[in-house]
Amino acid sequence: RFGIQAQTLATDYQRVFTVNNQTLLGLAGLASDVDTCRLELSKRHALYEMRERRPMAPKVFNQMISSYLYEHRFGPYFIEPVVAGLDPKTHEPFL
C-alpha cells in the first residue's frame, strides 16, 4: 500500500527488484526510502561489477546492503530488505 496518512494512493507499488540473473531484492517499508535505497544499491552494484569484472553473488550483495544500512544508522532508512538468489557456482539457494 502506498498512501498518505489514512488515504490510499496506490496498491501496485513495486517492491521486488531484479539485481542480476541470480539475485532478487525485496524492499518493504517507506516508499521514499525504498526508492532511495534501490537507486544507491544499483549504483554500488554496477560499480562492483565494473571493478571486479564478475557478477555479484547474492551473499556479497547481502553484505553490501548490511554495510550500506550500517553507514546510515544515525539517520536510518525505514526499510526491511530481503535478498533471494542462487549462488553462481553451486546453485544453492540463498535467502
Protein backbone atom coordinates (compact mmCIF):
# COMPACT_ATOMS: atom_id res chain seq x y z
CA ARG A 1 0.00 0.00 0.00
CA PHE A 2 1.27 3.44 -0.93
CA GLY A 3 -0.57 6.20 0.86
CA ILE A 4 -0.60 9.44 2.79
CA GLN A 5 -1.92 9.10 6.35
CA ALA A 6 -5.24 7.22 6.05
CA GLN A 7 -5.63 7.79 2.29
CA THR A 8 -4.53 5.03 -0.11
CA LEU A 9 -2.94 6.31 -3.31
CA ALA A 10 -1.87 3.04 -4.92
CA THR A 11 -1.65 -0.65 -4.18
CA ASP A 12 0.61 -1.69 -7.07
CA TYR A 13 3.85 -0.10 -5.86
CA GLN A 14 6.84 -2.21 -6.95
CA ARG A 15 8.72 -3.81 -4.04
CA VAL A 16 10.70 -6.62 -5.73
CA PHE A 17 13.63 -5.74 -7.99
CA THR A 18 15.97 -7.81 -10.16
CA VAL A 19 19.62 -7.22 -9.28
CA ASN A 20 21.14 -9.69 -11.76
CA ASN A 21 20.33 -13.11 -13.24
CA GLN A 22 20.80 -14.86 -9.87
CA THR A 23 19.61 -12.25 -7.35
CA LEU A 24 16.32 -10.59 -6.41
CA LEU A 25 15.88 -7.79 -3.89
CA GLY A 26 12.69 -7.17 -1.94
CA LEU A 27 12.29 -3.91 -0.04
CA ALA A 28 9.44 -3.33 2.38
CA GLY A 29 8.97 -0.03 4.16
CA LEU A 30 8.62 3.68 3.46
CA ALA A 31 8.24 4.30 -0.30
CA SER A 32 10.71 7.20 -0.49
CA ASP A 33 13.34 5.18 1.38
CA VAL A 34 12.71 2.19 -0.91
CA ASP A 35 13.38 4.34 -3.99
CA THR A 36 16.46 5.97 -2.48
CA CYS A 37 17.99 2.67 -1.36
CA ARG A 38 17.18 0.92 -4.63
CA LEU A 39 18.98 3.62 -6.64
CA GLU A 40 22.00 3.69 -4.33
CA LEU A 41 22.28 -0.11 -4.22
CA SER A 42 22.00 -0.40 -8.02
CA LYS A 43 24.79 2.19 -8.34
CA ARG A 44 27.02 0.29 -5.90
CA HIS A 45 26.18 -2.99 -7.66
CA ALA A 46 27.22 -1.56 -11.04
CA LEU A 47 30.48 -0.21 -9.58
CA TYR A 48 31.26 -3.61 -8.04
CA GLU A 49 30.70 -5.42 -11.34
CA MET A 50 32.86 -2.91 -13.23
CA ARG A 51 35.66 -3.14 -10.68
CA GLU A 52 35.59 -6.92 -10.17
CA ARG A 53 34.56 -7.88 -13.76
CA ARG A 54 32.28 -10.64 -12.48
CA PRO A 55 28.67 -10.91 -11.35
CA MET A 56 27.89 -10.22 -7.71
CA ALA A 57 26.80 -13.26 -5.70
CA PRO A 58 23.69 -12.94 -3.51
CA LYS A 59 25.76 -13.35 -0.33
CA VAL A 60 28.05 -10.49 -1.34
CA PHE A 61 25.05 -8.33 -2.26
CA ASN A 62 23.55 -9.05 1.16
CA GLN A 63 26.79 -7.92 2.85
CA MET A 64 26.78 -4.76 0.75
CA ILE A 65 23.23 -3.95 1.90
CA SER A 66 24.22 -4.56 5.53
CA SER A 67 27.19 -2.19 5.24
CA TYR A 68 25.10 0.45 3.49
CA LEU A 69 22.39 0.37 6.15
CA TYR A 70 25.02 0.43 8.91
CA GLU A 71 26.57 3.56 7.36
CA HIS A 72 23.17 5.27 7.77
CA ARG A 73 22.45 4.04 11.30
CA PHE A 74 22.16 7.57 12.75
CA GLY A 75 19.76 8.70 10.02
CA PRO A 76 18.20 5.33 9.29
CA TYR A 77 16.15 4.21 6.34
CA PHE A 78 12.80 2.72 7.27
CA ILE A 79 13.09 -0.40 5.14
CA GLU A 80 13.35 -4.15 5.57
CA PRO A 81 15.46 -5.71 2.79
CA VAL A 82 15.15 -9.34 1.69
CA VAL A 83 17.72 -10.84 -0.69
CA ALA A 84 16.99 -14.08 -2.52
CA GLY A 85 19.09 -15.80 -5.12
CA LEU A 86 21.18 -18.69 -6.31
CA ASP A 87 24.91 -19.00 -5.75
CA PRO A 88 26.53 -18.70 -9.21
CA LYS A 89 28.95 -21.61 -8.64
CA THR A 90 27.00 -24.16 -6.61
CA HIS A 91 23.42 -23.06 -7.49
CA GLU A 92 22.46 -23.33 -3.82
CA PRO A 93 19.53 -21.12 -2.80
CA PHE A 94 20.29 -18.06 -0.68
CA LEU A 95 17.73 -16.18 1.39
